[in-house]
Amino acid sequence: MSFKELVGGLLDVAIPTFGETIDYRPNAGGSFSIEAVFDRSFEQIDPDTEEVIASNVPMLGIKLANLPFSPDRGDEVRIGRERFQVIDSQEDGQGGARLILNRTYPE
C-alpha cells in the first residue's frame, strides 16, 4: 500500500469522526453537502524561520475526492448560519486540502 493510500484511509476515518456536514457552493453554481473538519483557527510553520504562526483565520479540512470539482478562490461555504468565502486552497499532495476561509456574514 502506498503512502498516499494510507493517508487517504486516514482521511476516511478522521473526517467522519471530527467533521461536520457543510454546504459547499462553487462559483460555477450548485450546492454540495460534504463532510469536512472546520477549525476557527490554525497553526502553520513559517518555512523561513520554522516559527509557529498562529492565526485566527478559519479553515476547512477536506478530502478532495469528496468534491466533484477543484476548490477555487471565491467559492462559498456555509457552516450552520455562518457564510465563508474560500480565499486559498492548500493541497497537501496526499488527497486532502486545507481551505483558508474569510467569514462574510450570517445568513
PDB file of N, CA and C in Angstrom:
ATOM      1  N   MET A   1       0.845  -1.177   0.000  1.00  0.00           N
ATOM      2  CA  MET A   1       0.000   0.000   0.000  1.00  0.00           C
ATOM      3  C   MET A   1       0.890   1.240   0.000  1.00  0.00           C
ATOM      4  N   SER A   2       0.552   2.224  -0.836  1.00  0.00           N
ATOM      5  CA  SER A   2       1.362   3.436  -0.936  1.00  0.00           C
ATOM      6  C   SER A   2       1.048   4.397   0.213  1.00  0.00           C
ATOM      7  N   PHE A   3       1.944   5.352   0.400  1.00  0.00           N
ATOM      8  CA  PHE A   3       1.743   6.363   1.436  1.00  0.00           C
ATOM      9  C   PHE A   3       0.467   7.160   1.154  1.00  0.00           C
ATOM     10  N   LYS A   4       0.229   7.487  -0.114  1.00  0.00           N
ATOM     11  CA  LYS A   4      -0.970   8.239  -0.488  1.00  0.00           C
ATOM     12  C   LYS A   4      -2.234   7.455  -0.132  1.00  0.00           C
ATOM     13  N   GLU A   5      -2.232   6.150  -0.344  1.00  0.00           N
ATOM     14  CA  GLU A   5      -3.378   5.314   0.016  1.00  0.00           C
ATOM     15  C   GLU A   5      -3.569   5.273   1.534  1.00  0.00           C
ATOM     16  N   LEU A   6      -2.463   5.221   2.282  1.00  0.00           N
ATOM     17  CA  LEU A   6      -2.550   5.231   3.740  1.00  0.00           C
ATOM     18  C   LEU A   6      -3.147   6.538   4.250  1.00  0.00           C
ATOM     19  N   VAL A   7      -2.678   7.660   3.693  1.00  0.00           N
ATOM     20  CA  VAL A   7      -3.206   8.963   4.098  1.00  0.00           C
ATOM     21  C   VAL A   7      -4.673   9.078   3.716  1.00  0.00           C
ATOM     22  N   GLY A   8      -5.042   8.585   2.533  1.00  0.00           N
ATOM     23  CA  GLY A   8      -6.444   8.595   2.116  1.00  0.00           C
ATOM     24  C   GLY A   8      -7.307   7.820   3.097  1.00  0.00           C
ATOM     25  N   GLY A   9      -6.809   6.685   3.568  1.00  0.00           N
ATOM     26  CA  GLY A   9      -7.530   5.904   4.570  1.00  0.00           C
ATOM     27  C   GLY A   9      -7.670   6.655   5.886  1.00  0.00           C
ATOM     28  N   LEU A  10      -6.626   7.397   6.250  1.00  0.00           N
ATOM     29  CA  LEU A  10      -6.667   8.206   7.460  1.00  0.00           C
ATOM     30  C   LEU A  10      -7.734   9.297   7.334  1.00  0.00           C
ATOM     31  N   LEU A  11      -7.794   9.944   6.170  1.00  0.00           N
ATOM     32  CA  LEU A  11      -8.815  10.968   5.943  1.00  0.00           C
ATOM     33  C   LEU A  11     -10.219  10.367   6.000  1.00  0.00           C
ATOM     34  N   ASP A  12     -10.360   9.126   5.507  1.00  0.00           N
ATOM     35  CA  ASP A  12     -11.663   8.450   5.542  1.00  0.00           C
ATOM     36  C   ASP A  12     -12.148   8.227   6.967  1.00  0.00           C
ATOM     37  N   VAL A  13     -11.222   8.119   7.916  1.00  0.00           N
ATOM     38  CA  VAL A  13     -11.592   7.945   9.321  1.00  0.00           C
ATOM     39  C   VAL A  13     -11.713   9.298  10.029  1.00  0.00           C
ATOM     40  N   ALA A  14     -10.752  10.189   9.799  1.00  0.00           N
ATOM     41  CA  ALA A  14     -10.704  11.460  10.522  1.00  0.00           C
ATOM     42  C   ALA A  14     -11.871  12.383  10.185  1.00  0.00           C
ATOM     43  N   ILE A  15     -12.207  12.489   8.914  1.00  0.00           N
ATOM     44  CA  ILE A  15     -13.248  13.445   8.537  1.00  0.00           C
ATOM     45  C   ILE A  15     -14.609  13.052   9.112  1.00  0.00           C
ATOM     46  N   PRO A  16     -15.063  11.794   9.001  1.00  0.00           N
ATOM     47  CA  PRO A  16     -16.343  11.453   9.637  1.00  0.00           C
ATOM     48  C   PRO A  16     -16.305  11.557  11.169  1.00  0.00           C
ATOM     49  N   THR A  17     -15.134  11.320  11.761  1.00  0.00           N
ATOM     50  CA  THR A  17     -15.012  11.365  13.216  1.00  0.00           C
ATOM     51  C   THR A  17     -15.023  12.789  13.743  1.00  0.00           C
ATOM     52  N   PHE A  18     -14.260  13.668  13.133  1.00  0.00           N
ATOM     53  CA  PHE A  18     -14.106  15.034  13.643  1.00  0.00           C
ATOM     54  C   PHE A  18     -14.861  16.078  12.819  1.00  0.00           C
ATOM     55  N   GLY A  19     -15.404  15.671  11.698  1.00  0.00           N
ATOM     56  CA  GLY A  19     -16.019  16.626  10.790  1.00  0.00           C
ATOM     57  C   GLY A  19     -17.484  16.873  11.031  1.00  0.00           C
ATOM     58  N   GLU A  20     -18.014  17.711  10.179  1.00  0.00           N
ATOM     59  CA  GLU A  20     -19.432  18.037  10.196  1.00  0.00           C
ATOM     60  C   GLU A  20     -19.879  18.249   8.753  1.00  0.00           C
ATOM     61  N   THR A  21     -21.168  18.192   8.545  1.00  0.00           N
ATOM     62  CA  THR A  21     -21.701  18.401   7.203  1.00  0.00           C
ATOM     63  C   THR A  21     -21.753  19.896   6.921  1.00  0.00           C
ATOM     64  N   ILE A  22     -21.186  20.283   5.797  1.00  0.00           N
ATOM     65  CA  ILE A  22     -21.190  21.687   5.394  1.00  0.00           C
ATOM     66  C   ILE A  22     -21.804  21.793   3.996  1.00  0.00           C
ATOM     67  N   ASP A  23     -22.250  22.979   3.669  1.00  0.00           N
ATOM     68  CA  ASP A  23     -22.828  23.268   2.366  1.00  0.00           C
ATOM     69  C   ASP A  23     -21.764  24.004   1.556  1.00  0.00           C
ATOM     70  N   TYR A  24     -21.304  23.380   0.479  1.00  0.00           N
ATOM     71  CA  TYR A  24     -20.255  23.961  -0.363  1.00  0.00           C
ATOM     72  C   TYR A  24     -20.889  24.446  -1.655  1.00  0.00           C
ATOM     73  N   ARG A  25     -20.680  25.721  -1.981  1.00  0.00           N
ATOM     74  CA  ARG A  25     -21.274  26.334  -3.171  1.00  0.00           C
ATOM     75  C   ARG A  25     -20.176  26.913  -4.063  1.00  0.00           C
ATOM     76  N   PRO A  26     -19.814  26.183  -5.112  1.00  0.00           N
ATOM     77  CA  PRO A  26     -18.759  26.674  -6.001  1.00  0.00           C
ATOM     78  C   PRO A  26     -19.221  27.875  -6.833  1.00  0.00           C
ATOM     79  N   ASN A  27     -18.255  28.653  -7.307  1.00  0.00           N
ATOM     80  CA  ASN A  27     -18.549  29.802  -8.174  1.00  0.00           C
ATOM     81  C   ASN A  27     -19.363  29.402  -9.394  1.00  0.00           C
ATOM     82  N   ALA A  28     -19.131  28.201  -9.891  1.00  0.00           N
ATOM     83  CA  ALA A  28     -19.800  27.738 -11.111  1.00  0.00           C
ATOM     84  C   ALA A  28     -21.284  27.460 -10.892  1.00  0.00           C
ATOM     85  N   GLY A  29     -21.721  27.457  -9.637  1.00  0.00           N
ATOM     86  CA  GLY A  29     -23.121  27.214  -9.331  1.00  0.00           C
ATOM     87  C   GLY A  29     -23.347  25.849  -8.711  1.00  0.00           C
ATOM     88  N   GLY A  30     -24.487  25.678  -8.136  1.00  0.00           N
ATOM     89  CA  GLY A  30     -24.831  24.419  -7.479  1.00  0.00           C
ATOM     90  C   GLY A  30     -24.527  24.471  -6.000  1.00  0.00           C
ATOM     91  N   SER A  31     -24.886  23.407  -5.322  1.00  0.00           N
ATOM     92  CA  SER A  31     -24.673  23.281  -3.892  1.00  0.00           C
ATOM     93  C   SER A  31     -24.379  21.821  -3.581  1.00  0.00           C
ATOM     94  N   PHE A  32     -23.352  21.582  -2.769  1.00  0.00           N
ATOM     95  CA  PHE A  32     -22.946  20.218  -2.433  1.00  0.00           C
ATOM     96  C   PHE A  32     -22.788  20.096  -0.928  1.00  0.00           C
ATOM     97  N   SER A  33     -23.364  19.056  -0.343  1.00  0.00           N
ATOM     98  CA  SER A  33     -23.152  18.755   1.070  1.00  0.00           C
ATOM     99  C   SER A  33     -21.979  17.802   1.169  1.00  0.00           C
ATOM    100  N   ILE A  34     -20.973  18.205   1.937  1.00  0.00           N
ATOM    101  CA  ILE A  34     -19.811  17.343   2.141  1.00  0.00           C
ATOM    102  C   ILE A  34     -19.446  17.334   3.619  1.00  0.00           C
ATOM    103  N   GLU A  35     -18.697  16.316   4.009  1.00  0.00           N
ATOM    104  CA  GLU A  35     -18.149  16.244   5.355  1.00  0.00           C
ATOM    105  C   GLU A  35     -16.780  16.910   5.333  1.00  0.00           C
ATOM    106  N   ALA A  36     -16.534  17.771   6.322  1.00  0.00           N
ATOM    107  CA  ALA A  36     -15.267  18.477   6.407  1.00  0.00           C
ATOM    108  C   ALA A  36     -14.982  18.812   7.864  1.00  0.00           C
ATOM    109  N   VAL A  37     -13.718  19.064   8.164  1.00  0.00           N
ATOM    110  CA  VAL A  37     -13.325  19.439   9.519  1.00  0.00           C
ATOM    111  C   VAL A  37     -13.131  20.949   9.545  1.00  0.00           C
ATOM    112  N   PHE A  38     -13.971  21.636  10.324  1.00  0.00           N
ATOM    113  CA  PHE A  38     -13.931  23.098  10.432  1.00  0.00           C
ATOM    114  C   PHE A  38     -13.140  23.487  11.661  1.00  0.00           C
ATOM    115  N   ASP A  39     -12.259  24.465  11.492  1.00  0.00           N
ATOM    116  CA  ASP A  39     -11.458  24.973  12.597  1.00  0.00           C
ATOM    117  C   ASP A  39     -11.419  26.490  12.480  1.00  0.00           C
ATOM    118  N   ARG A  40     -11.767  27.159  13.560  1.00  0.00           N
ATOM    119  CA  ARG A  40     -11.778  28.623  13.535  1.00  0.00           C
ATOM    120  C   ARG A  40     -10.377  29.218  13.556  1.00  0.00           C
ATOM    121  N   SER A  41      -9.382  28.461  13.936  1.00  0.00           N
ATOM    122  CA  SER A  41      -8.008  28.942  13.920  1.00  0.00           C
ATOM    123  C   SER A  41      -7.085  27.791  13.574  1.00  0.00           C
ATOM    124  N   PHE A  42      -5.876  28.096  13.174  1.00  0.00           N
ATOM    125  CA  PHE A  42      -4.932  27.047  12.827  1.00  0.00           C
ATOM    126  C   PHE A  42      -3.510  27.519  13.102  1.00  0.00           C
ATOM    127  N   GLU A  43      -2.584  26.588  13.094  1.00  0.00           N
ATOM    128  CA  GLU A  43      -1.167  26.895  13.231  1.00  0.00           C
ATOM    129  C   GLU A  43      -0.453  26.496  11.966  1.00  0.00           C
ATOM    130  N   GLN A  44       0.538  27.269  11.623  1.00  0.00           N
ATOM    131  CA  GLN A  44       1.325  26.989  10.429  1.00  0.00           C
ATOM    132  C   GLN A  44       2.780  27.278  10.757  1.00  0.00           C
ATOM    133  N   ILE A  45       3.688  26.562  10.130  1.00  0.00           N
ATOM    134  CA  ILE A  45       5.115  26.779  10.332  1.00  0.00           C
ATOM    135  C   ILE A  45       5.641  27.685   9.221  1.00  0.00           C
ATOM    136  N   ASP A  46       6.338  28.749   9.621  1.00  0.00           N
ATOM    137  CA  ASP A  46       6.975  29.631   8.644  1.00  0.00           C
ATOM    138  C   ASP A  46       8.168  28.878   8.061  1.00  0.00           C
ATOM    139  N   PRO A  47       8.203  28.651   6.746  1.00  0.00           N
ATOM    140  CA  PRO A  47       9.289  27.855   6.163  1.00  0.00           C
ATOM    141  C   PRO A  47      10.659  28.515   6.261  1.00  0.00           C
ATOM    142  N   ASP A  48      10.704  29.828   6.409  1.00  0.00           N
ATOM    143  CA  ASP A  48      11.991  30.525   6.511  1.00  0.00           C
ATOM    144  C   ASP A  48      12.568  30.488   7.916  1.00  0.00           C
ATOM    145  N   THR A  49      11.699  30.696   8.928  1.00  0.00           N
ATOM    146  CA  THR A  49      12.182  30.787  10.307  1.00  0.00           C
ATOM    147  C   THR A  49      11.857  29.552  11.136  1.00  0.00           C
ATOM    148  N   GLU A  50      10.984  28.682  10.624  1.00  0.00           N
ATOM    149  CA  GLU A  50      10.497  27.496  11.328  1.00  0.00           C
ATOM    150  C   GLU A  50       9.763  27.858  12.624  1.00  0.00           C
ATOM    151  N   GLU A  51       9.273  29.090  12.699  1.00  0.00           N
ATOM    152  CA  GLU A  51       8.474  29.545  13.836  1.00  0.00           C
ATOM    153  C   GLU A  51       7.016  29.151  13.611  1.00  0.00           C
ATOM    154  N   VAL A  52       6.313  28.885  14.698  1.00  0.00           N
ATOM    155  CA  VAL A  52       4.888  28.575  14.613  1.00  0.00           C
ATOM    156  C   VAL A  52       4.124  29.885  14.480  1.00  0.00           C
ATOM    157  N   ILE A  53       3.262  29.938  13.498  1.00  0.00           N
ATOM    158  CA  ILE A  53       2.417  31.105  13.279  1.00  0.00           C
ATOM    159  C   ILE A  53       0.997  30.693  13.648  1.00  0.00           C
ATOM    160  N   ALA A  54       0.419  31.368  14.608  1.00  0.00           N
ATOM    161  CA  ALA A  54      -0.967  31.098  14.970  1.00  0.00           C
ATOM    162  C   ALA A  54      -1.846  32.140  14.283  1.00  0.00           C
ATOM    163  N   SER A  55      -2.977  31.704  13.807  1.00  0.00           N
ATOM    164  CA  SER A  55      -3.864  32.596  13.082  1.00  0.00           C
ATOM    165  C   SER A  55      -5.294  32.396  13.556  1.00  0.00           C
ATOM    166  N   ASN A  56      -6.066  33.463  13.512  1.00  0.00           N
ATOM    167  CA  ASN A  56      -7.488  33.366  13.828  1.00  0.00           C
ATOM    168  C   ASN A  56      -8.312  33.172  12.575  1.00  0.00           C
ATOM    169  N   VAL A  57      -7.644  32.953  11.469  1.00  0.00           N
ATOM    170  CA  VAL A  57      -8.334  32.745  10.199  1.00  0.00           C
ATOM    171  C   VAL A  57      -8.956  31.348  10.210  1.00  0.00           C
ATOM    172  N   PRO A  58     -10.256  31.249   9.925  1.00  0.00           N
ATOM    173  CA  PRO A  58     -10.882  29.931   9.898  1.00  0.00           C
ATOM    174  C   PRO A  58     -10.413  29.111   8.699  1.00  0.00           C
ATOM    175  N   MET A  59     -10.436  27.810   8.867  1.00  0.00           N
ATOM    176  CA  MET A  59     -10.057  26.925   7.766  1.00  0.00           C
ATOM    177  C   MET A  59     -10.924  25.685   7.789  1.00  0.00           C
ATOM    178  N   LEU A  60     -10.923  25.008   6.641  1.00  0.00           N
ATOM    179  CA  LEU A  60     -11.725  23.815   6.459  1.00  0.00           C
ATOM    180  C   LEU A  60     -10.825  22.720   5.905  1.00  0.00           C
ATOM    181  N   GLY A  61     -10.780  21.578   6.571  1.00  0.00           N
ATOM    182  CA  GLY A  61     -10.022  20.433   6.082  1.00  0.00           C
ATOM    183  C   GLY A  61     -10.941  19.515   5.305  1.00  0.00           C
ATOM    184  N   ILE A  62     -10.568  19.210   4.067  1.00  0.00           N
ATOM    185  CA  ILE A  62     -11.424  18.384   3.215  1.00  0.00           C
ATOM    186  C   ILE A  62     -10.618  17.262   2.562  1.00  0.00           C
ATOM    187  N   LYS A  63     -11.322  16.247   2.120  1.00  0.00           N
ATOM    188  CA  LYS A  63     -10.761  15.231   1.244  1.00  0.00           C
ATOM    189  C   LYS A  63     -11.178  15.624  -0.165  1.00  0.00           C
ATOM    190  N   LEU A  64     -10.221  15.867  -1.040  1.00  0.00           N
ATOM    191  CA  LEU A  64     -10.513  16.372  -2.377  1.00  0.00           C
ATOM    192  C   LEU A  64     -11.457  15.467  -3.159  1.00  0.00           C
ATOM    193  N   ALA A  65     -11.398  14.166  -2.932  1.00  0.00           N
ATOM    194  CA  ALA A  65     -12.265  13.235  -3.649  1.00  0.00           C
ATOM    195  C   ALA A  65     -13.741  13.423  -3.281  1.00  0.00           C
ATOM    196  N   ASN A  66     -14.016  14.141  -2.175  1.00  0.00           N
ATOM    197  CA  ASN A  66     -15.400  14.382  -1.774  1.00  0.00           C
ATOM    198  C   ASN A  66     -16.061  15.499  -2.574  1.00  0.00           C
ATOM    199  N   LEU A  67     -15.273  16.235  -3.343  1.00  0.00           N
ATOM    200  CA  LEU A  67     -15.801  17.287  -4.204  1.00  0.00           C
ATOM    201  C   LEU A  67     -15.693  16.852  -5.653  1.00  0.00           C
ATOM    202  N   PRO A  68     -16.734  17.065  -6.463  1.00  0.00           N
ATOM    203  CA  PRO A  68     -16.662  16.680  -7.880  1.00  0.00           C
ATOM    204  C   PRO A  68     -15.965  17.748  -8.736  1.00  0.00           C
ATOM    205  N   PHE A  69     -15.223  18.649  -8.103  1.00  0.00           N
ATOM    206  CA  PHE A  69     -14.523  19.746  -8.776  1.00  0.00           C
ATOM    207  C   PHE A  69     -13.374  20.171  -7.869  1.00  0.00           C
ATOM    208  N   SER A  70     -12.500  20.997  -8.360  1.00  0.00           N
ATOM    209  CA  SER A  70     -11.410  21.530  -7.541  1.00  0.00           C
ATOM    210  C   SER A  70     -11.889  22.773  -6.802  1.00  0.00           C
ATOM    211  N   PRO A  71     -11.564  22.895  -5.512  1.00  0.00           N
ATOM    212  CA  PRO A  71     -11.959  24.105  -4.799  1.00  0.00           C
ATOM    213  C   PRO A  71     -11.279  25.318  -5.425  1.00  0.00           C
ATOM    214  N   ASP A  72     -11.975  26.457  -5.376  1.00  0.00           N
ATOM    215  CA  ASP A  72     -11.473  27.644  -6.043  1.00  0.00           C
ATOM    216  C   ASP A  72     -11.698  28.872  -5.169  1.00  0.00           C
ATOM    217  N   ARG A  73     -10.821  29.833  -5.320  1.00  0.00           N
ATOM    218  CA  ARG A  73     -10.955  31.106  -4.613  1.00  0.00           C
ATOM    219  C   ARG A  73     -12.317  31.719  -4.968  1.00  0.00           C
ATOM    220  N   GLY A  74     -13.037  32.167  -3.943  1.00  0.00           N
ATOM    221  CA  GLY A  74     -14.342  32.774  -4.153  1.00  0.00           C
ATOM    222  C   GLY A  74     -15.511  31.825  -3.956  1.00  0.00           C
ATOM    223  N   ASP A  75     -15.251  30.510  -3.896  1.00  0.00           N
ATOM    224  CA  ASP A  75     -16.328  29.568  -3.592  1.00  0.00           C
ATOM    225  C   ASP A  75     -16.910  29.927  -2.227  1.00  0.00           C
ATOM    226  N   GLU A  76     -18.182  29.604  -2.022  1.00  0.00           N
ATOM    227  CA  GLU A  76     -18.837  29.900  -0.746  1.00  0.00           C
ATOM    228  C   GLU A  76     -19.017  28.619   0.053  1.00  0.00           C
ATOM    229  N   VAL A  77     -18.817  28.736   1.360  1.00  0.00           N
ATOM    230  CA  VAL A  77     -19.014  27.627   2.286  1.00  0.00           C
ATOM    231  C   VAL A  77     -19.986  28.106   3.357  1.00  0.00           C
ATOM    232  N   ARG A  78     -21.005  27.289   3.629  1.00  0.00           N
ATOM    233  CA  ARG A  78     -21.964  27.608   4.686  1.00  0.00           C
ATOM    234  C   ARG A  78     -21.851  26.559   5.775  1.00  0.00           C
ATOM    235  N   ILE A  79     -21.599  27.049   6.971  1.00  0.00           N
ATOM    236  CA  ILE A  79     -21.474  26.182   8.139  1.00  0.00           C
ATOM    237  C   ILE A  79     -22.463  26.702   9.167  1.00  0.00           C
ATOM    238  N   GLY A  80     -23.534  25.948   9.360  1.00  0.00           N
ATOM    239  CA  GLY A  80     -24.617  26.443  10.211  1.00  0.00           C
ATOM    240  C   GLY A  80     -25.196  27.700   9.587  1.00  0.00           C
ATOM    241  N   ARG A  81     -25.274  28.768  10.378  1.00  0.00           N
ATOM    242  CA  ARG A  81     -25.807  30.037   9.871  1.00  0.00           C
ATOM    243  C   ARG A  81     -24.704  30.980   9.380  1.00  0.00           C
ATOM    244  N   GLU A  82     -23.471  30.542   9.440  1.00  0.00           N
ATOM    245  CA  GLU A  82     -22.364  31.389   9.012  1.00  0.00           C
ATOM    246  C   GLU A  82     -21.989  31.116   7.555  1.00  0.00           C
ATOM    247  N   ARG A  83     -21.544  32.164   6.878  1.00  0.00           N
ATOM    248  CA  ARG A  83     -21.075  32.044   5.499  1.00  0.00           C
ATOM    249  C   ARG A  83     -19.618  32.445   5.430  1.00  0.00           C
ATOM    250  N   PHE A  84     -18.890  31.714   4.606  1.00  0.00           N
ATOM    251  CA  PHE A  84     -17.468  31.973   4.419  1.00  0.00           C
ATOM    252  C   PHE A  84     -17.151  31.944   2.929  1.00  0.00           C
ATOM    253  N   GLN A  85     -16.092  32.617   2.573  1.00  0.00           N
ATOM    254  CA  GLN A  85     -15.609  32.584   1.201  1.00  0.00           C
ATOM    255  C   GLN A  85     -14.221  31.963   1.219  1.00  0.00           C
ATOM    256  N   VAL A  86     -13.961  31.062   0.274  1.00  0.00           N
ATOM    257  CA  VAL A  86     -12.638  30.446   0.164  1.00  0.00           C
ATOM    258  C   VAL A  86     -11.675  31.497  -0.379  1.00  0.00           C
ATOM    259  N   ILE A  87     -10.581  31.747   0.365  1.00  0.00           N
ATOM    260  CA  ILE A  87      -9.587  32.703  -0.113  1.00  0.00           C
ATOM    261  C   ILE A  87      -8.297  32.019  -0.568  1.00  0.00           C
ATOM    262  N   ASP A  88      -8.136  30.741  -0.181  1.00  0.00           N
ATOM    263  CA  ASP A  88      -6.964  29.992  -0.629  1.00  0.00           C
ATOM    264  C   ASP A  88      -7.212  28.503  -0.430  1.00  0.00           C
ATOM    265  N   SER A  89      -6.666  27.700  -1.317  1.00  0.00           N
ATOM    266  CA  SER A  89      -6.738  26.243  -1.206  1.00  0.00           C
ATOM    267  C   SER A  89      -5.314  25.709  -1.186  1.00  0.00           C
ATOM    268  N   GLN A  90      -4.965  25.009  -0.111  1.00  0.00           N
ATOM    269  CA  GLN A  90      -3.612  24.468   0.039  1.00  0.00           C
ATOM    270  C   GLN A  90      -3.694  22.942   0.047  1.00  0.00           C
ATOM    271  N   GLU A  91      -3.434  22.345  -1.120  1.00  0.00           N
ATOM    272  CA  GLU A  91      -3.481  20.886  -1.234  1.00  0.00           C
ATOM    273  C   GLU A  91      -2.269  20.284  -0.552  1.00  0.00           C
ATOM    274  N   ASP A  92      -2.468  19.135   0.098  1.00  0.00           N
ATOM    275  CA  ASP A  92      -1.368  18.502   0.818  1.00  0.00           C
ATOM    276  C   ASP A  92      -0.598  17.495  -0.026  1.00  0.00           C
ATOM    277  N   GLY A  93      -1.016  17.263  -1.261  1.00  0.00           N
ATOM    278  CA  GLY A  93      -0.336  16.314  -2.130  1.00  0.00           C
ATOM    279  C   GLY A  93      -0.685  14.866  -1.843  1.00  0.00           C
ATOM    280  N   GLN A  94      -1.560  14.638  -0.865  1.00  0.00           N
ATOM    281  CA  GLN A  94      -1.932  13.277  -0.478  1.00  0.00           C
ATOM    282  C   GLN A  94      -3.433  13.060  -0.547  1.00  0.00           C
ATOM    283  N   GLY A  95      -4.152  13.948  -1.247  1.00  0.00           N
ATOM    284  CA  GLY A  95      -5.589  13.776  -1.407  1.00  0.00           C
ATOM    285  C   GLY A  95      -6.434  14.670  -0.527  1.00  0.00           C
ATOM    286  N   GLY A  96      -5.801  15.474   0.300  1.00  0.00           N
ATOM    287  CA  GLY A  96      -6.535  16.386   1.169  1.00  0.00           C
ATOM    288  C   GLY A  96      -6.181  17.822   0.847  1.00  0.00           C
ATOM    289  N   ALA A  97      -6.907  18.738   1.432  1.00  0.00           N
ATOM    290  CA  ALA A  97      -6.615  20.157   1.256  1.00  0.00           C
ATOM    291  C   ALA A  97      -7.094  20.931   2.468  1.00  0.00           C
ATOM    292  N   ARG A  98      -6.418  22.033   2.696  1.00  0.00           N
ATOM    293  CA  ARG A  98      -6.824  22.985   3.722  1.00  0.00           C
ATOM    294  C   ARG A  98      -7.343  24.207   2.974  1.00  0.00           C
ATOM    295  N   LEU A  99      -8.608  24.543   3.210  1.00  0.00           N
ATOM    296  CA  LEU A  99      -9.197  25.715   2.588  1.00  0.00           C
ATOM    297  C   LEU A  99      -9.188  26.846   3.603  1.00  0.00           C
ATOM    298  N   ILE A 100      -8.509  27.933   3.266  1.00  0.00           N
ATOM    299  CA  ILE A 100      -8.463  29.097   4.133  1.00  0.00           C
ATOM    300  C   ILE A 100      -9.701  29.935   3.813  1.00  0.00           C
ATOM    301  N   LEU A 101     -10.423  30.315   4.861  1.00  0.00           N
ATOM    302  CA  LEU A 101     -11.728  30.957   4.688  1.00  0.00           C
ATOM    303  C   LEU A 101     -11.730  32.389   5.218  1.00  0.00           C
ATOM    304  N   ASN A 102     -12.645  33.167   4.685  1.00  0.00           N
ATOM    305  CA  ASN A 102     -12.910  34.515   5.169  1.00  0.00           C
ATOM    306  C   ASN A 102     -14.402  34.578   5.506  1.00  0.00           C
ATOM    307  N   ARG A 103     -14.729  34.910   6.749  1.00  0.00           N
ATOM    308  CA  ARG A 103     -16.144  34.983   7.140  1.00  0.00           C
ATOM    309  C   ARG A 103     -16.775  36.178   6.444  1.00  0.00           C
ATOM    310  N   THR A 104     -17.945  35.945   5.839  1.00  0.00           N
ATOM    311  CA  THR A 104     -18.606  37.032   5.142  1.00  0.00           C
ATOM    312  C   THR A 104     -19.725  37.614   5.992  1.00  0.00           C
ATOM    313  N   TYR A 105     -20.797  36.881   6.241  1.00  0.00           N
ATOM    314  CA  TYR A 105     -21.902  37.398   7.037  1.00  0.00           C
ATOM    315  C   TYR A 105     -22.827  36.245   7.404  1.00  0.00           C
ATOM    316  N   PRO A 106     -23.601  36.407   8.485  1.00  0.00           N
ATOM    317  CA  PRO A 106     -24.549  35.345   8.849  1.00  0.00           C
ATOM    318  C   PRO A 106     -25.717  35.329   7.873  1.00  0.00           C
ATOM    319  N   GLU A 107     -26.353  34.183   7.775  1.00  0.00           N
ATOM    320  CA  GLU A 107     -27.497  34.020   6.873  1.00  0.00           C
ATOM    321  C   GLU A 107     -28.702  34.707   7.455  1.00  0.00           C
TER     322      GLU A 107
END
